[in-house]
C-alpha atoms as a PDB file:
ATOM      1  CA  UNK A   1    -102.963 -82.457 -16.748  1.00  0.00           C
ATOM      2  CA  UNK A   2    -105.045 -79.640 -15.410  1.00  0.00           C
ATOM      3  CA  UNK A   3    -105.065 -76.068 -16.550  1.00  0.00           C
ATOM      4  CA  UNK A   4    -103.921 -73.480 -14.103  1.00  0.00           C
ATOM      5  CA  UNK A   5    -106.575 -71.639 -12.179  1.00  0.00           C
ATOM      6  CA  UNK A   6    -106.145 -68.425 -14.128  1.00  0.00           C
ATOM      7  CA  UNK A   7    -106.498 -70.199 -17.467  1.00  0.00           C
ATOM      8  CA  UNK A   8    -109.708 -71.934 -16.484  1.00  0.00           C
ATOM      9  CA  UNK A   9    -111.354 -68.620 -15.570  1.00  0.00           C
ATOM     10  CA  UNK A  10    -110.415 -66.829 -18.754  1.00  0.00           C
ATOM     11  CA  UNK A  11    -113.295 -65.899 -20.987  1.00  0.00           C
ATOM     12  CA  UNK A  12    -113.355 -65.441 -24.684  1.00  0.00           C
ATOM     13  CA  UNK A  13    -113.317 -61.728 -25.483  1.00  0.00           C
ATOM     14  CA  UNK A  14    -116.771 -60.415 -26.358  1.00  0.00           C
ATOM     15  CA  UNK A  15    -117.603 -57.709 -28.854  1.00  0.00           C
ATOM     16  CA  UNK A  16    -119.602 -54.919 -27.287  1.00  0.00           C
ATOM     17  CA  UNK A  17    -122.792 -53.498 -28.803  1.00  0.00           C
ATOM     18  CA  UNK A  18    -120.968 -50.356 -29.806  1.00  0.00           C
ATOM     19  CA  UNK A  19    -118.418 -52.337 -31.780  1.00  0.00           C
ATOM     20  CA  UNK A  20    -121.205 -54.353 -33.479  1.00  0.00           C
ATOM     21  CA  UNK A  21    -122.910 -51.125 -34.519  1.00  0.00           C
ATOM     22  CA  UNK A  22    -119.645 -49.741 -35.908  1.00  0.00           C
ATOM     23  CA  UNK A  23    -118.965 -52.960 -37.869  1.00  0.00           C
ATOM     24  CA  UNK A  24    -122.503 -53.061 -39.309  1.00  0.00           C
ATOM     25  CA  UNK A  25    -122.424 -49.361 -40.183  1.00  0.00           C
ATOM     26  CA  UNK A  26    -119.043 -49.806 -41.897  1.00  0.00           C
ATOM     27  CA  UNK A  27    -120.378 -52.755 -43.901  1.00  0.00           C
ATOM     28  CA  UNK A  28    -123.443 -50.773 -45.031  1.00  0.00           C
ATOM     29  CA  UNK A  29    -121.244 -47.842 -46.110  1.00  0.00           C
ATOM     30  CA  UNK A  30    -119.026 -50.299 -48.011  1.00  0.00           C
ATOM     31  CA  UNK A  31    -122.072 -51.735 -49.832  1.00  0.00           C
ATOM     32  CA  UNK A  32    -123.414 -48.276 -50.746  1.00  0.00           C
ATOM     33  CA  UNK A  33    -120.061 -47.097 -52.096  1.00  0.00           C
ATOM     34  CA  UNK A  34    -119.668 -50.326 -54.078  1.00  0.00           C
ATOM     35  CA  UNK A  35    -123.150 -49.939 -55.551  1.00  0.00           C
ATOM     36  CA  UNK A  36    -122.508 -46.308 -56.517  1.00  0.00           C
ATOM     37  CA  UNK A  37    -119.214 -47.226 -58.220  1.00  0.00           C
ATOM     38  CA  UNK A  38    -120.880 -50.101 -60.078  1.00  0.00           C
ATOM     39  CA  UNK A  39    -123.699 -47.895 -61.375  1.00  0.00           C
ATOM     40  CA  UNK A  40    -121.250 -45.187 -62.373  1.00  0.00           C
ATOM     41  CA  UNK A  41    -119.059 -47.621 -64.323  1.00  0.00           C
ATOM     42  CA  UNK A  42    -122.048 -49.366 -65.938  1.00  0.00           C
ATOM     43  CA  UNK A  43    -123.269 -46.177 -67.582  1.00  0.00           C
ATOM     44  CA  UNK A  44    -119.867 -44.585 -68.215  1.00  0.00           C
ATOM     45  CA  UNK A  45    -119.733 -45.590 -71.918  1.00  0.00           C
ATOM     46  CA  UNK A  46    -123.112 -43.976 -72.581  1.00  0.00           C
ATOM     47  CA  UNK A  47    -122.138 -40.780 -70.729  1.00  0.00           C
ATOM     48  CA  UNK A  48    -118.815 -40.643 -72.579  1.00  0.00           C
ATOM     49  CA  UNK A  49    -120.600 -40.880 -75.962  1.00  0.00           C
ATOM     50  CA  UNK A  50    -123.106 -38.237 -74.854  1.00  0.00           C
ATOM     51  CA  UNK A  51    -120.328 -35.814 -73.841  1.00  0.00           C
ATOM     52  CA  UNK A  52    -118.601 -36.483 -77.164  1.00  0.00           C
ATOM     53  CA  UNK A  53    -121.818 -35.763 -79.110  1.00  0.00           C
ATOM     54  CA  UNK A  54    -122.337 -32.502 -77.200  1.00  0.00           C
ATOM     55  CA  UNK A  55    -118.719 -31.469 -77.841  1.00  0.00           C
ATOM     56  CA  UNK A  56    -119.112 -32.114 -81.589  1.00  0.00           C
ATOM     57  CA  UNK A  57    -122.372 -30.124 -81.627  1.00  0.00           C
ATOM     58  CA  UNK A  58    -120.661 -27.197 -79.934  1.00  0.00           C
ATOM     59  CA  UNK A  59    -117.552 -27.262 -82.139  1.00  0.00           C
ATOM     60  CA  UNK A  60    -118.817 -28.268 -85.585  1.00  0.00           C
ATOM     61  CA  UNK A  61    -122.482 -27.325 -85.169  1.00  0.00           C
ATOM     62  CA  UNK A  62    -121.660 -23.987 -83.538  1.00  0.00           C
ATOM     63  CA  UNK A  63    -124.184 -24.390 -80.718  1.00  0.00           C
ATOM     64  CA  UNK A  64    -123.602 -22.354 -77.574  1.00  0.00           C
ATOM     65  CA  UNK A  65    -126.348 -23.709 -75.288  1.00  0.00           C
ATOM     66  CA  UNK A  66    -127.336 -27.398 -75.299  1.00  0.00           C
ATOM     67  CA  UNK A  67    -130.897 -28.361 -74.332  1.00  0.00           C
ATOM     68  CA  UNK A  68    -130.737 -32.127 -74.821  1.00  0.00           C
ATOM     69  CA  UNK A  69    -128.771 -34.977 -76.360  1.00  0.00           C
ATOM     70  CA  UNK A  70    -130.746 -38.078 -77.346  1.00  0.00           C
ATOM     71  CA  UNK A  71    -129.484 -41.383 -78.685  1.00  0.00           C
ATOM     72  CA  UNK A  72    -131.721 -42.931 -81.333  1.00  0.00           C
ATOM     73  CA  UNK A  73    -131.108 -46.493 -82.436  1.00  0.00           C
ATOM     74  CA  UNK A  74    -133.271 -47.948 -85.172  1.00  0.00           C
ATOM     75  CA  UNK A  75    -131.592 -48.604 -88.489  1.00  0.00           C
ATOM     76  CA  UNK A  76    -128.380 -47.054 -87.223  1.00  0.00           C
ATOM     77  CA  UNK A  77    -127.094 -45.350 -84.111  1.00  0.00           C
ATOM     78  CA  UNK A  78    -127.578 -41.562 -84.259  1.00  0.00           C
ATOM     79  CA  UNK A  79    -127.064 -38.854 -81.638  1.00  0.00           C
ATOM     80  CA  UNK A  80    -129.484 -35.928 -81.881  1.00  0.00           C
ATOM     81  CA  UNK A  81    -128.378 -32.789 -80.057  1.00  0.00           C
ATOM     82  CA  UNK A  82    -130.790 -29.890 -79.572  1.00  0.00           C
ATOM     83  CA  UNK A  83    -129.559 -26.443 -78.649  1.00  0.00           C
ATOM     84  CA  UNK A  84    -129.306 -22.749 -79.409  1.00  0.00           C
ATOM     85  CA  UNK A  85    -126.687 -20.860 -81.396  1.00  0.00           C
ATOM     86  CA  UNK A  86    -125.218 -17.433 -80.573  1.00  0.00           C
ATOM     87  CA  UNK A  87    -128.213 -15.668 -82.188  1.00  0.00           C
ATOM     88  CA  UNK A  88    -130.713 -17.593 -80.034  1.00  0.00           C
ATOM     89  CA  UNK A  89    -132.044 -19.814 -82.841  1.00  0.00           C
ATOM     90  CA  UNK A  90    -132.888 -23.413 -81.870  1.00  0.00           C
ATOM     91  CA  UNK A  91    -131.229 -26.129 -83.963  1.00  0.00           C
ATOM     92  CA  UNK A  92    -131.191 -29.928 -84.045  1.00  0.00           C
ATOM     93  CA  UNK A  93    -128.045 -31.712 -85.103  1.00  0.00           C
ATOM     94  CA  UNK A  94    -128.076 -35.362 -86.222  1.00  0.00           C
ATOM     95  CA  UNK A  95    -124.647 -36.914 -85.713  1.00  0.00           C
ATOM     96  CA  UNK A  96    -124.221 -40.026 -87.827  1.00  0.00           C
ATOM     97  CA  UNK A  97    -121.083 -42.014 -88.575  1.00  0.00           C
ATOM     98  CA  UNK A  98    -120.842 -40.546 -92.064  1.00  0.00           C
ATOM     99  CA  UNK A  99    -122.237 -37.029 -91.684  1.00  0.00           C
ATOM    100  CA  UNK A 100    -123.457 -34.204 -89.514  1.00  0.00           C
ATOM    101  CA  UNK A 101    -126.871 -32.732 -90.395  1.00  0.00           C
ATOM    102  CA  UNK A 102    -127.965 -29.410 -88.854  1.00  0.00           C
ATOM    103  CA  UNK A 103    -131.579 -28.219 -89.225  1.00  0.00           C
ATOM    104  CA  UNK A 104    -133.339 -25.184 -87.769  1.00  0.00           C
ATOM    105  CA  UNK A 105    -136.316 -26.249 -85.646  1.00  0.00           C
ATOM    106  CA  UNK A 106    -138.419 -23.212 -86.643  1.00  0.00           C
ATOM    107  CA  UNK A 107    -138.232 -24.185 -90.342  1.00  0.00           C
ATOM    108  CA  UNK A 108    -139.315 -27.776 -89.652  1.00  0.00           C
ATOM    109  CA  UNK A 109    -141.887 -29.566 -87.504  1.00  0.00           C
ATOM    110  CA  UNK A 110    -141.240 -28.913 -83.811  1.00  0.00           C
ATOM    111  CA  UNK A 111    -142.000 -31.377 -81.033  1.00  0.00           C
ATOM    112  CA  UNK A 112    -145.080 -29.380 -79.977  1.00  0.00           C
ATOM    113  CA  UNK A 113    -146.445 -29.252 -83.532  1.00  0.00           C
ATOM    114  CA  UNK A 114    -145.789 -32.978 -83.896  1.00  0.00           C
ATOM    115  CA  UNK A 115    -147.727 -33.762 -80.708  1.00  0.00           C
ATOM    116  CA  UNK A 116    -150.651 -31.642 -81.962  1.00  0.00           C
ATOM    117  CA  UNK A 117    -150.569 -33.349 -85.365  1.00  0.00           C
ATOM    118  CA  UNK A 118    -150.505 -36.760 -83.663  1.00  0.00           C
ATOM    119  CA  UNK A 119    -153.490 -35.800 -81.474  1.00  0.00           C
ATOM    120  CA  UNK A 120    -155.484 -34.787 -84.564  1.00  0.00           C
ATOM    121  CA  UNK A 121    -154.902 -38.080 -86.365  1.00  0.00           C
ATOM    122  CA  UNK A 122    -155.137 -40.361 -83.290  1.00  0.00           C
ATOM    123  CA  UNK A 123    -158.241 -39.199 -81.450  1.00  0.00           C
ATOM    124  CA  UNK A 124    -157.975 -39.767 -77.714  1.00  0.00           C
ATOM    125  CA  UNK A 125    -154.593 -41.530 -77.771  1.00  0.00           C
ATOM    126  CA  UNK A 126    -151.676 -40.060 -75.869  1.00  0.00           C
ATOM    127  CA  UNK A 127    -148.068 -40.622 -76.908  1.00  0.00           C
ATOM    128  CA  UNK A 128    -145.956 -42.509 -74.370  1.00  0.00           C
ATOM    129  CA  UNK A 129    -142.722 -41.184 -75.846  1.00  0.00           C
ATOM    130  CA  UNK A 130    -141.720 -38.821 -78.613  1.00  0.00           C
ATOM    131  CA  UNK A 131    -138.116 -38.677 -79.768  1.00  0.00           C
ATOM    132  CA  UNK A 132    -136.251 -37.193 -82.670  1.00  0.00           C
ATOM    133  CA  UNK A 133    -134.674 -39.931 -84.729  1.00  0.00           C
ATOM    134  CA  UNK A 134    -133.378 -41.128 -88.060  1.00  0.00           C
ATOM    135  CA  UNK A 135    -135.615 -43.224 -90.312  1.00  0.00           C
ATOM    136  CA  UNK A 136    -135.235 -44.265 -93.965  1.00  0.00           C
ATOM    137  CA  UNK A 137    -132.184 -42.042 -94.448  1.00  0.00           C
ATOM    138  CA  UNK A 138    -133.768 -38.822 -93.163  1.00  0.00           C
ATOM    139  CA  UNK A 139    -134.510 -36.999 -89.896  1.00  0.00           C
ATOM    140  CA  UNK A 140    -137.774 -38.125 -88.320  1.00  0.00           C
ATOM    141  CA  UNK A 141    -139.946 -38.070 -85.231  1.00  0.00           C
ATOM    142  CA  UNK A 142    -140.559 -41.383 -83.476  1.00  0.00           C
ATOM    143  CA  UNK A 143    -143.796 -41.535 -81.490  1.00  0.00           C
ATOM    144  CA  UNK A 144    -144.554 -44.570 -79.326  1.00  0.00           C
ATOM    145  CA  UNK A 145    -148.122 -44.932 -78.081  1.00  0.00           C
ATOM    146  CA  UNK A 146    -150.701 -47.396 -76.821  1.00  0.00           C
ATOM    147  CA  UNK A 147    -153.456 -47.949 -79.381  1.00  0.00           C
ATOM    148  CA  UNK A 148    -156.925 -48.547 -77.957  1.00  0.00           C
ATOM    149  CA  UNK A 149    -158.535 -49.181 -81.356  1.00  0.00           C
ATOM    150  CA  UNK A 150    -159.138 -52.747 -82.529  1.00  0.00           C
ATOM    151  CA  UNK A 151    -156.880 -55.172 -80.731  1.00  0.00           C
ATOM    152  CA  UNK A 152    -155.152 -53.199 -78.006  1.00  0.00           C
ATOM    153  CA  UNK A 153    -151.463 -52.961 -78.796  1.00  0.00           C
ATOM    154  CA  UNK A 154    -148.440 -50.732 -78.577  1.00  0.00           C
ATOM    155  CA  UNK A 155    -147.354 -49.013 -81.779  1.00  0.00           C
ATOM    156  CA  UNK A 156    -144.576 -46.803 -83.118  1.00  0.00           C
ATOM    157  CA  UNK A 157    -145.211 -44.162 -85.770  1.00  0.00           C
ATOM    158  CA  UNK A 158    -142.464 -42.433 -87.720  1.00  0.00           C
ATOM    159  CA  UNK A 159    -143.104 -38.946 -89.108  1.00  0.00           C
ATOM    160  CA  UNK A 160    -140.915 -36.787 -91.336  1.00  0.00           C
ATOM    161  CA  UNK A 161    -139.078 -34.070 -89.424  1.00  0.00           C
ATOM    162  CA  UNK A 162    -139.292 -31.669 -92.366  1.00  0.00           C
ATOM    163  CA  UNK A 163    -143.034 -31.682 -93.058  1.00  0.00           C
ATOM    164  CA  UNK A 164    -144.669 -34.065 -90.555  1.00  0.00           C
ATOM    165  CA  UNK A 165    -145.914 -36.619 -93.062  1.00  0.00           C
ATOM    166  CA  UNK A 166    -146.391 -40.122 -91.705  1.00  0.00           C
ATOM    167  CA  UNK A 167    -143.656 -42.466 -92.909  1.00  0.00           C
ATOM    168  CA  UNK A 168    -144.541 -45.809 -91.337  1.00  0.00           C
ATOM    169  CA  UNK A 169    -146.327 -47.482 -88.433  1.00  0.00           C
ATOM    170  CA  UNK A 170    -145.041 -50.519 -86.581  1.00  0.00           C
ATOM    171  CA  UNK A 171    -147.476 -52.473 -84.405  1.00  0.00           C
ATOM    172  CA  UNK A 172    -145.696 -54.191 -81.563  1.00  0.00           C
ATOM    173  CA  UNK A 173    -146.900 -57.584 -80.349  1.00  0.00           C
ATOM    174  CA  UNK A 174    -148.775 -57.527 -77.064  1.00  0.00           C
ATOM    175  CA  UNK A 175    -147.311 -59.343 -74.115  1.00  0.00           C
ATOM    176  CA  UNK A 176    -149.738 -61.541 -72.247  1.00  0.00           C
ATOM    177  CA  UNK A 177    -149.081 -62.459 -68.675  1.00  0.00           C
END
């Protein structure tokens, strides 16, 4: 049985270039939105904890202007919030599970003073990272650096926040490729 003449001349509908461009553009927008939502949800727990730490610093620590909020994890998880009070004094607040510790930066070792002290004791070495932290039950500065002396390695020094004395050095194993 033969098809009718009109059926034999029918073509399959074709998608025009304009429609292909619209479909591809729509797919790319879908991928970008999906990626943005994934990234936002992946870091939402961290951002929630950070907002909570800032809120506690403002309410209980009486800070009016927040400069930074850093999470330090070594022996325990501690949020350190730096900011100014109503009088313009700069404070650091260590938020632990069991307590809240508030110290005036001007009465302790500031980040700038700690960098200068590190430069004096480690000639020619530059810190990769300096963070306020919590070490051996007290506020501390954590300085990570690359040591060029002896066998080249990465190291972490802990210094007391109150007077800048060196507490401990950890030498990290080098990774060979």
